Amino acid sequence: MGKKGREIVKVNIADLLKDLNKAYADEWIAYFYYKWAADVAAGMGSKNFASEVDRIAEEEEEHAEELSERIMELGGEPERDWEDIQKIANCPKVKFPKDVTDLKGMLKELVEAEGCAIDVYTKIVQKLSPCYQKDLKTFSVITHILEEEVAHEEAFENLLQ
């Protein structure tokens, strides 16, 4: 990011990078668990379940890429160590039921995971407010991801019905 770009960021960049890296870790963890759930789901309705969860997993990967790009623009580096990703994540684990045919139980955990993501991005948006004047670009990236996380939660809740 250039000189003027850095000048318009009105927040502590070190703190923002910490928040963004934690969110980055969350996205990779979500991607991993969602892909796993899509791969192992079994029983009646598992094809529809797997298709939707896999689609959302791909969006979680896209979120990680968007966060990575913004982290680097702000002069940081995305976390590279898987163990550290697990340590810094806001939402470090999805606790699926042992029975992979328990799609309802799996969906409840996915709804919970999306709720955690919504909380994370809402807090970042609140730090960047009022009216996104503190860092317009990061605000835009985060609100875009937040909108998708809200849609993911709704998609999982709809599958529960």
N, C-alpha and C. Protein backbone atom coordinates (compact mmCIF):
# COMPACT_ATOMS: atom_id res chain seq x y z
N MET A 1 0.86 -1.16 0.00
CA MET A 1 0.00 0.00 0.00
C MET A 1 0.90 1.22 0.00
N GLY A 2 0.53 2.21 -0.75
CA GLY A 2 1.32 3.41 -0.88
C GLY A 2 1.18 4.37 0.29
N LYS A 3 1.95 5.46 0.23
CA LYS A 3 2.00 6.45 1.29
C LYS A 3 0.62 7.02 1.61
N LYS A 4 -0.09 7.50 0.59
CA LYS A 4 -1.43 8.07 0.81
C LYS A 4 -2.39 7.01 1.35
N GLY A 5 -2.27 5.80 0.82
CA GLY A 5 -3.13 4.72 1.31
C GLY A 5 -2.94 4.46 2.79
N ARG A 6 -1.68 4.52 3.25
CA ARG A 6 -1.40 4.33 4.68
C ARG A 6 -1.89 5.53 5.50
N GLU A 7 -1.80 6.72 4.92
CA GLU A 7 -2.21 7.93 5.63
C GLU A 7 -3.71 7.93 5.95
N ILE A 8 -4.51 7.32 5.10
CA ILE A 8 -5.96 7.38 5.32
C ILE A 8 -6.45 6.34 6.32
N VAL A 9 -5.59 5.40 6.70
CA VAL A 9 -5.98 4.41 7.70
C VAL A 9 -5.84 5.05 9.07
N LYS A 10 -6.95 5.21 9.75
CA LYS A 10 -7.00 5.94 11.03
C LYS A 10 -7.20 5.00 12.22
N VAL A 11 -6.62 3.84 12.14
CA VAL A 11 -6.65 2.91 13.26
C VAL A 11 -5.22 2.42 13.48
N ASN A 12 -5.01 1.80 14.62
CA ASN A 12 -3.71 1.21 14.90
C ASN A 12 -3.54 0.01 13.97
N ILE A 13 -2.62 0.13 13.02
CA ILE A 13 -2.47 -0.91 12.01
C ILE A 13 -2.02 -2.23 12.62
N ALA A 14 -1.17 -2.19 13.64
CA ALA A 14 -0.72 -3.43 14.29
C ALA A 14 -1.92 -4.17 14.89
N ASP A 15 -2.82 -3.45 15.55
CA ASP A 15 -4.01 -4.08 16.13
C ASP A 15 -4.93 -4.61 15.03
N LEU A 16 -5.09 -3.82 13.98
CA LEU A 16 -5.93 -4.25 12.86
C LEU A 16 -5.36 -5.51 12.22
N LEU A 17 -4.05 -5.55 12.03
CA LEU A 17 -3.42 -6.74 11.44
C LEU A 17 -3.64 -7.96 12.32
N LYS A 18 -3.59 -7.77 13.63
CA LYS A 18 -3.85 -8.88 14.55
C LYS A 18 -5.27 -9.40 14.36
N ASP A 19 -6.24 -8.48 14.31
CA ASP A 19 -7.64 -8.87 14.10
C ASP A 19 -7.83 -9.57 12.76
N LEU A 20 -7.22 -9.03 11.73
CA LEU A 20 -7.37 -9.62 10.38
C LEU A 20 -6.71 -10.99 10.31
N ASN A 21 -5.56 -11.17 10.97
CA ASN A 21 -4.91 -12.47 10.97
C ASN A 21 -5.72 -13.50 11.74
N LYS A 22 -6.36 -13.07 12.82
CA LYS A 22 -7.23 -13.99 13.55
C LYS A 22 -8.42 -14.40 12.69
N ALA A 23 -9.00 -13.45 11.97
CA ALA A 23 -10.11 -13.76 11.07
C ALA A 23 -9.63 -14.66 9.93
N TYR A 24 -8.42 -14.40 9.44
CA TYR A 24 -7.81 -15.24 8.39
C TYR A 24 -7.70 -16.69 8.89
N ALA A 25 -7.25 -16.85 10.13
CA ALA A 25 -7.15 -18.19 10.72
C ALA A 25 -8.54 -18.84 10.79
N ASP A 26 -9.54 -18.06 11.20
CA ASP A 26 -10.91 -18.58 11.27
C ASP A 26 -11.37 -19.12 9.92
N GLU A 27 -11.06 -18.38 8.87
CA GLU A 27 -11.53 -18.78 7.54
C GLU A 27 -10.88 -20.10 7.10
N TRP A 28 -9.59 -20.27 7.38
CA TRP A 28 -8.95 -21.54 7.00
C TRP A 28 -9.49 -22.70 7.83
N ILE A 29 -9.77 -22.45 9.09
CA ILE A 29 -10.34 -23.50 9.93
C ILE A 29 -11.74 -23.86 9.42
N ALA A 30 -12.54 -22.85 9.10
CA ALA A 30 -13.88 -23.11 8.56
C ALA A 30 -13.77 -23.90 7.26
N TYR A 31 -12.87 -23.49 6.39
CA TYR A 31 -12.68 -24.19 5.11
C TYR A 31 -12.37 -25.68 5.36
N PHE A 32 -11.43 -25.92 6.26
CA PHE A 32 -11.05 -27.30 6.55
C PHE A 32 -12.23 -28.11 7.06
N TYR A 33 -12.93 -27.61 8.08
CA TYR A 33 -14.03 -28.36 8.68
C TYR A 33 -15.20 -28.51 7.71
N TYR A 34 -15.48 -27.49 6.93
CA TYR A 34 -16.60 -27.57 5.99
C TYR A 34 -16.30 -28.58 4.89
N LYS A 35 -15.08 -28.56 4.38
CA LYS A 35 -14.69 -29.55 3.36
C LYS A 35 -14.78 -30.96 3.94
N TRP A 36 -14.30 -31.10 5.17
CA TRP A 36 -14.37 -32.41 5.82
C TRP A 36 -15.81 -32.87 5.93
N ALA A 37 -16.69 -32.00 6.40
CA ALA A 37 -18.10 -32.35 6.56
C ALA A 37 -18.72 -32.74 5.23
N ALA A 38 -18.41 -32.00 4.18
CA ALA A 38 -18.95 -32.31 2.85
C ALA A 38 -18.44 -33.67 2.37
N ASP A 39 -17.21 -33.98 2.67
CA ASP A 39 -16.61 -35.25 2.22
C ASP A 39 -17.16 -36.46 2.95
N VAL A 40 -17.44 -36.34 4.24
CA VAL A 40 -17.80 -37.53 5.02
C VAL A 40 -19.29 -37.69 5.27
N ALA A 41 -20.08 -36.68 5.00
CA ALA A 41 -21.52 -36.76 5.29
C ALA A 41 -22.12 -37.99 4.59
N ALA A 42 -22.97 -38.69 5.32
CA ALA A 42 -23.58 -39.91 4.78
C ALA A 42 -25.05 -39.94 5.17
N GLY A 43 -25.78 -40.78 4.47
CA GLY A 43 -27.19 -40.97 4.80
C GLY A 43 -28.10 -40.15 3.92
N MET A 44 -29.40 -40.23 4.25
CA MET A 44 -30.41 -39.55 3.47
C MET A 44 -30.19 -38.04 3.50
N GLY A 45 -30.20 -37.43 2.33
CA GLY A 45 -30.01 -36.00 2.22
C GLY A 45 -28.57 -35.55 2.21
N SER A 46 -27.65 -36.49 2.28
CA SER A 46 -26.25 -36.11 2.39
C SER A 46 -25.70 -35.47 1.11
N LYS A 47 -26.25 -35.83 -0.04
CA LYS A 47 -25.76 -35.21 -1.29
C LYS A 47 -26.09 -33.72 -1.33
N ASN A 48 -27.31 -33.36 -0.97
CA ASN A 48 -27.69 -31.94 -0.92
C ASN A 48 -26.87 -31.21 0.15
N PHE A 49 -26.75 -31.83 1.30
CA PHE A 49 -25.95 -31.28 2.39
C PHE A 49 -24.53 -31.02 1.91
N ALA A 50 -23.91 -32.04 1.35
CA ALA A 50 -22.51 -31.93 0.91
C ALA A 50 -22.33 -30.85 -0.15
N SER A 51 -23.27 -30.77 -1.06
CA SER A 51 -23.17 -29.77 -2.12
C SER A 51 -23.20 -28.35 -1.56
N GLU A 52 -24.11 -28.09 -0.64
CA GLU A 52 -24.22 -26.75 -0.06
C GLU A 52 -23.03 -26.43 0.84
N VAL A 53 -22.61 -27.39 1.65
CA VAL A 53 -21.48 -27.16 2.54
C VAL A 53 -20.20 -26.95 1.73
N ASP A 54 -20.05 -27.70 0.67
CA ASP A 54 -18.87 -27.55 -0.20
C ASP A 54 -18.86 -26.17 -0.86
N ARG A 55 -20.00 -25.71 -1.31
CA ARG A 55 -20.11 -24.38 -1.93
C ARG A 55 -19.69 -23.30 -0.93
N ILE A 56 -20.16 -23.43 0.29
CA ILE A 56 -19.84 -22.44 1.31
C ILE A 56 -18.37 -22.55 1.71
N ALA A 57 -17.82 -23.75 1.72
CA ALA A 57 -16.39 -23.91 2.00
C ALA A 57 -15.55 -23.13 1.00
N GLU A 58 -15.95 -23.16 -0.26
CA GLU A 58 -15.22 -22.42 -1.28
C GLU A 58 -15.28 -20.91 -1.01
N GLU A 59 -16.41 -20.43 -0.51
CA GLU A 59 -16.51 -19.02 -0.16
C GLU A 59 -15.64 -18.69 1.05
N GLU A 60 -15.51 -19.63 1.97
CA GLU A 60 -14.63 -19.40 3.12
C GLU A 60 -13.18 -19.28 2.65
N GLU A 61 -12.79 -20.09 1.68
CA GLU A 61 -11.45 -19.97 1.12
C GLU A 61 -11.26 -18.61 0.45
N GLU A 62 -12.28 -18.16 -0.24
CA GLU A 62 -12.24 -16.83 -0.87
C GLU A 62 -12.06 -15.74 0.19
N HIS A 63 -12.73 -15.89 1.31
CA HIS A 63 -12.58 -14.92 2.40
C HIS A 63 -11.12 -14.89 2.89
N ALA A 64 -10.53 -16.07 3.04
CA ALA A 64 -9.12 -16.13 3.47
C ALA A 64 -8.23 -15.40 2.47
N GLU A 65 -8.51 -15.57 1.20
CA GLU A 65 -7.72 -14.89 0.16
C GLU A 65 -7.90 -13.38 0.24
N GLU A 66 -9.12 -12.92 0.45
CA GLU A 66 -9.39 -11.48 0.57
C GLU A 66 -8.68 -10.90 1.79
N LEU A 67 -8.73 -11.61 2.89
CA LEU A 67 -8.06 -11.16 4.10
C LEU A 67 -6.55 -11.15 3.92
N SER A 68 -6.03 -12.18 3.28
CA SER A 68 -4.59 -12.26 3.02
C SER A 68 -4.12 -11.05 2.20
N GLU A 69 -4.87 -10.75 1.18
CA GLU A 69 -4.54 -9.60 0.33
C GLU A 69 -4.52 -8.31 1.14
N ARG A 70 -5.53 -8.12 1.99
CA ARG A 70 -5.59 -6.88 2.77
C ARG A 70 -4.49 -6.84 3.82
N ILE A 71 -4.20 -7.97 4.43
CA ILE A 71 -3.11 -8.04 5.41
C ILE A 71 -1.80 -7.60 4.76
N MET A 72 -1.53 -8.09 3.58
CA MET A 72 -0.28 -7.74 2.89
C MET A 72 -0.29 -6.27 2.46
N GLU A 73 -1.44 -5.76 2.02
CA GLU A 73 -1.54 -4.35 1.66
C GLU A 73 -1.22 -3.44 2.85
N LEU A 74 -1.59 -3.90 4.03
CA LEU A 74 -1.34 -3.11 5.24
C LEU A 74 0.07 -3.32 5.80
N GLY A 75 0.88 -4.11 5.10
CA GLY A 75 2.27 -4.31 5.50
C GLY A 75 2.49 -5.51 6.40
N GLY A 76 1.49 -6.33 6.56
CA GLY A 76 1.62 -7.52 7.39
C GLY A 76 1.83 -8.77 6.56
N GLU A 77 1.84 -9.89 7.23
CA GLU A 77 1.98 -11.18 6.57
C GLU A 77 0.94 -12.13 7.15
N PRO A 78 0.19 -12.80 6.30
CA PRO A 78 -0.79 -13.78 6.80
C PRO A 78 -0.07 -14.91 7.55
N GLU A 79 -0.71 -15.38 8.59
CA GLU A 79 -0.14 -16.48 9.37
C GLU A 79 0.12 -17.67 8.45
N ARG A 80 1.27 -18.29 8.62
CA ARG A 80 1.65 -19.40 7.74
C ARG A 80 1.73 -20.75 8.43
N ASP A 81 1.74 -20.76 9.75
CA ASP A 81 1.91 -22.00 10.49
C ASP A 81 0.56 -22.52 10.97
N TRP A 82 0.23 -23.77 10.61
CA TRP A 82 -1.07 -24.32 10.95
C TRP A 82 -1.30 -24.36 12.45
N GLU A 83 -0.28 -24.70 13.22
CA GLU A 83 -0.45 -24.73 14.68
C GLU A 83 -0.76 -23.33 15.22
N ASP A 84 -0.10 -22.32 14.68
CA ASP A 84 -0.38 -20.95 15.11
C ASP A 84 -1.76 -20.50 14.65
N ILE A 85 -2.18 -20.95 13.48
CA ILE A 85 -3.54 -20.64 13.01
C ILE A 85 -4.55 -21.14 14.03
N GLN A 86 -4.35 -22.35 14.51
CA GLN A 86 -5.27 -22.90 15.51
C GLN A 86 -5.20 -22.12 16.83
N LYS A 87 -4.02 -21.62 17.17
CA LYS A 87 -3.86 -20.90 18.43
C LYS A 87 -4.50 -19.50 18.39
N ILE A 88 -4.40 -18.82 17.25
CA ILE A 88 -4.87 -17.43 17.20
C ILE A 88 -6.32 -17.29 16.79
N ALA A 89 -6.91 -18.37 16.29
CA ALA A 89 -8.28 -18.29 15.77
C ALA A 89 -9.28 -17.89 16.85
N ASN A 90 -10.26 -17.09 16.44
CA ASN A 90 -11.39 -16.74 17.31
C ASN A 90 -12.31 -17.95 17.49
N CYS A 91 -12.42 -18.72 16.43
CA CYS A 91 -13.35 -19.86 16.37
C CYS A 91 -12.53 -21.10 15.98
N PRO A 92 -11.77 -21.67 16.92
CA PRO A 92 -10.76 -22.67 16.55
C PRO A 92 -11.25 -24.07 16.24
N LYS A 93 -12.50 -24.39 16.54
CA LYS A 93 -12.92 -25.78 16.34
C LYS A 93 -14.41 -25.88 16.08
N VAL A 94 -14.75 -26.79 15.19
CA VAL A 94 -16.15 -27.17 14.97
C VAL A 94 -16.28 -28.57 15.55
N LYS A 95 -17.22 -28.76 16.45
CA LYS A 95 -17.35 -30.04 17.16
C LYS A 95 -18.51 -30.84 16.56
N PHE A 96 -18.21 -31.52 15.47
CA PHE A 96 -19.23 -32.32 14.80
C PHE A 96 -19.58 -33.56 15.62
N PRO A 97 -20.81 -34.06 15.46
CA PRO A 97 -21.17 -35.33 16.10
C PRO A 97 -20.32 -36.47 15.51
N LYS A 98 -20.12 -37.50 16.28
CA LYS A 98 -19.33 -38.65 15.81
C LYS A 98 -20.02 -39.36 14.65
N ASP A 99 -21.34 -39.37 14.66
CA ASP A 99 -22.14 -40.05 13.63
C ASP A 99 -22.26 -39.14 12.41
N VAL A 100 -21.61 -39.50 11.30
CA VAL A 100 -21.61 -38.66 10.10
C VAL A 100 -22.95 -38.71 9.35
N THR A 101 -23.88 -39.52 9.83
CA THR A 101 -25.23 -39.49 9.25
C THR A 101 -26.13 -38.51 10.01
N ASP A 102 -25.62 -37.95 11.10
CA ASP A 102 -26.36 -36.98 11.90
C ASP A 102 -26.21 -35.59 11.25
N LEU A 103 -26.87 -35.44 10.12
CA LEU A 103 -26.74 -34.19 9.38
C LEU A 103 -27.32 -33.01 10.15
N LYS A 104 -28.37 -33.24 10.90
CA LYS A 104 -28.96 -32.18 11.70
C LYS A 104 -27.94 -31.70 12.74
N GLY A 105 -27.28 -32.62 13.40
CA GLY A 105 -26.25 -32.26 14.37
C GLY A 105 -25.09 -31.52 13.73
N MET A 106 -24.71 -31.97 12.53
CA MET A 106 -23.63 -31.30 11.81
C MET A 106 -24.05 -29.87 11.44
N LEU A 107 -25.28 -29.73 10.98
CA LEU A 107 -25.76 -28.40 10.61
C LEU A 107 -25.83 -27.45 11.81
N LYS A 108 -26.22 -27.98 12.95
CA LYS A 108 -26.26 -27.14 14.15
C LYS A 108 -24.87 -26.59 14.47
N GLU A 109 -23.85 -27.41 14.28
CA GLU A 109 -22.48 -26.97 14.52
C GLU A 109 -22.04 -25.94 13.47
N LEU A 110 -22.48 -26.13 12.24
CA LEU A 110 -22.15 -25.16 11.18
C LEU A 110 -22.82 -23.82 11.44
N VAL A 111 -24.05 -23.85 11.91
CA VAL A 111 -24.75 -22.61 12.28
C VAL A 111 -23.97 -21.91 13.39
N GLU A 112 -23.52 -22.68 14.36
CA GLU A 112 -22.74 -22.13 15.47
C GLU A 112 -21.44 -21.50 14.96
N ALA A 113 -20.78 -22.16 14.03
CA ALA A 113 -19.52 -21.64 13.46
C ALA A 113 -19.77 -20.33 12.73
N GLU A 114 -20.84 -20.27 11.98
CA GLU A 114 -21.16 -19.03 11.26
C GLU A 114 -21.51 -17.92 12.24
N GLY A 115 -22.17 -18.27 13.34
CA GLY A 115 -22.46 -17.27 14.36
C GLY A 115 -21.19 -16.67 14.95
N CYS A 116 -20.19 -17.51 15.16
CA CYS A 116 -18.90 -17.02 15.65
C CYS A 116 -18.29 -16.06 14.62
N ALA A 117 -18.32 -16.42 13.35
CA ALA A 117 -17.77 -15.57 12.30
C ALA A 117 -18.50 -14.23 12.24
N ILE A 118 -19.80 -14.27 12.38
CA ILE A 118 -20.60 -13.04 12.36
C ILE A 118 -20.16 -12.13 13.52
N ASP A 119 -19.95 -12.71 14.70
CA ASP A 119 -19.48 -11.92 15.84
C ASP A 119 -18.12 -11.30 15.56
N VAL A 120 -17.21 -12.07 14.99
CA VAL A 120 -15.85 -11.58 14.70
C VAL A 120 -15.90 -10.39 13.75
N TYR A 121 -16.62 -10.54 12.64
CA TYR A 121 -16.64 -9.47 11.65
C TYR A 121 -17.43 -8.25 12.13
N THR A 122 -18.45 -8.48 12.94
CA THR A 122 -19.20 -7.36 13.51
C THR A 122 -18.29 -6.53 14.41
N LYS A 123 -17.46 -7.18 15.21
CA LYS A 123 -16.54 -6.47 16.09
C LYS A 123 -15.51 -5.67 15.28
N ILE A 124 -15.03 -6.23 14.19
CA ILE A 124 -14.07 -5.50 13.36
C ILE A 124 -14.75 -4.28 12.73
N VAL A 125 -15.97 -4.47 12.23
CA VAL A 125 -16.71 -3.35 11.65
C VAL A 125 -16.90 -2.26 12.70
N GLN A 126 -17.24 -2.64 13.91
CA GLN A 126 -17.44 -1.65 14.98
C GLN A 126 -16.15 -0.89 15.28
N LYS A 127 -15.01 -1.57 15.21
CA LYS A 127 -13.73 -0.90 15.42
C LYS A 127 -13.43 0.10 14.30
N LEU A 128 -13.90 -0.21 13.10
CA LEU A 128 -13.63 0.65 11.94
C LEU A 128 -14.66 1.76 11.78
N SER A 129 -15.72 1.72 12.54
CA SER A 129 -16.76 2.74 12.47
C SER A 129 -16.33 3.93 13.30
N PRO A 130 -16.93 5.08 13.26
CA PRO A 130 -18.21 5.36 12.62
C PRO A 130 -18.04 5.61 11.12
N CYS A 131 -19.03 5.16 10.44
CA CYS A 131 -19.15 5.40 9.00
C CYS A 131 -17.88 5.06 8.23
N TYR A 132 -17.21 4.01 8.63
CA TYR A 132 -16.03 3.47 7.94
C TYR A 132 -14.96 4.50 7.62
N GLN A 133 -14.91 5.59 8.36
CA GLN A 133 -13.94 6.65 8.07
C GLN A 133 -12.51 6.28 8.47
N LYS A 134 -12.35 5.24 9.23
CA LYS A 134 -11.02 4.90 9.72
C LYS A 134 -10.20 4.08 8.72
N ASP A 135 -10.85 3.28 7.90
CA ASP A 135 -10.15 2.47 6.89
C ASP A 135 -11.20 1.95 5.91
N LEU A 136 -11.47 2.72 4.91
CA LEU A 136 -12.52 2.42 3.94
C LEU A 136 -12.33 1.06 3.27
N LYS A 137 -11.12 0.75 2.84
CA LYS A 137 -10.91 -0.50 2.11
C LYS A 137 -11.13 -1.70 3.01
N THR A 138 -10.55 -1.70 4.20
CA THR A 138 -10.75 -2.83 5.10
C THR A 138 -12.23 -2.94 5.47
N PHE A 139 -12.88 -1.82 5.72
CA PHE A 139 -14.30 -1.81 6.04
C PHE A 139 -15.09 -2.50 4.92
N SER A 140 -14.75 -2.19 3.68
CA SER A 140 -15.44 -2.78 2.53
C SER A 140 -15.21 -4.29 2.47
N VAL A 141 -13.98 -4.72 2.65
CA VAL A 141 -13.66 -6.17 2.63
C VAL A 141 -14.42 -6.88 3.74
N ILE A 142 -14.38 -6.32 4.94
CA ILE A 142 -15.00 -6.97 6.10
C ILE A 142 -16.53 -7.01 5.96
N THR A 143 -17.14 -5.91 5.50
CA THR A 143 -18.59 -5.93 5.36
C THR A 143 -19.03 -6.90 4.28
N HIS A 144 -18.23 -7.04 3.21
CA HIS A 144 -18.53 -8.03 2.17
C HIS A 144 -18.52 -9.44 2.77
N ILE A 145 -17.48 -9.75 3.54
CA ILE A 145 -17.39 -11.07 4.16
C ILE A 145 -18.52 -11.26 5.16
N LEU A 146 -18.81 -10.24 5.96
CA LEU A 146 -19.90 -10.34 6.94
C LEU A 146 -21.23 -10.65 6.26
N GLU A 147 -21.51 -9.99 5.15
CA GLU A 147 -22.75 -10.27 4.41
C GLU A 147 -22.81 -11.74 3.99
N GLU A 148 -21.70 -12.29 3.52
CA GLU A 148 -21.68 -13.69 3.11
C GLU A 148 -21.81 -14.63 4.31
N GLU A 149 -21.20 -14.28 5.43
CA GLU A 149 -21.32 -15.13 6.62
C GLU A 149 -22.77 -15.18 7.11
N VAL A 150 -23.46 -14.06 7.06
CA VAL A 150 -24.88 -14.03 7.43
C VAL A 150 -25.68 -14.92 6.48
N ALA A 151 -25.37 -14.87 5.19
CA ALA A 151 -26.04 -15.72 4.20
C ALA A 151 -25.73 -17.20 4.45
N HIS A 152 -24.49 -17.51 4.85
CA HIS A 152 -24.12 -18.90 5.14
C HIS A 152 -24.92 -19.43 6.32
N GLU A 153 -25.02 -18.62 7.38
CA GLU A 153 -25.79 -19.04 8.53
C GLU A 153 -27.23 -19.35 8.13
N GLU A 154 -27.80 -18.48 7.32
CA GLU A 154 -29.18 -18.69 6.86
C GLU A 154 -29.29 -19.95 6.02
N ALA A 155 -28.33 -20.19 5.15
CA ALA A 155 -28.35 -21.40 4.31
C ALA A 155 -28.31 -22.66 5.18
N PHE A 156 -27.46 -22.66 6.20
CA PHE A 156 -27.39 -23.83 7.09
C PHE A 156 -28.69 -23.97 7.89
N GLU A 157 -29.25 -22.87 8.36
CA GLU A 157 -30.51 -22.94 9.09
C GLU A 157 -31.63 -23.45 8.18
N ASN A 158 -31.63 -23.04 6.92
CA ASN A 158 -32.65 -23.51 5.98
C ASN A 158 -32.52 -25.01 5.76
N LEU A 159 -31.30 -25.52 5.71
CA LEU A 159 -31.10 -26.96 5.56
C LEU A 159 -31.60 -27.73 6.78
N LEU A 160 -31.55 -27.09 7.92
CA LEU A 160 -32.04 -27.74 9.15
C LEU A 160 -33.55 -27.97 9.11
N GLN A 161 -34.27 -27.14 8.36
CA GLN A 161 -35.73 -27.24 8.33
C GLN A 161 -36.22 -28.31 7.40
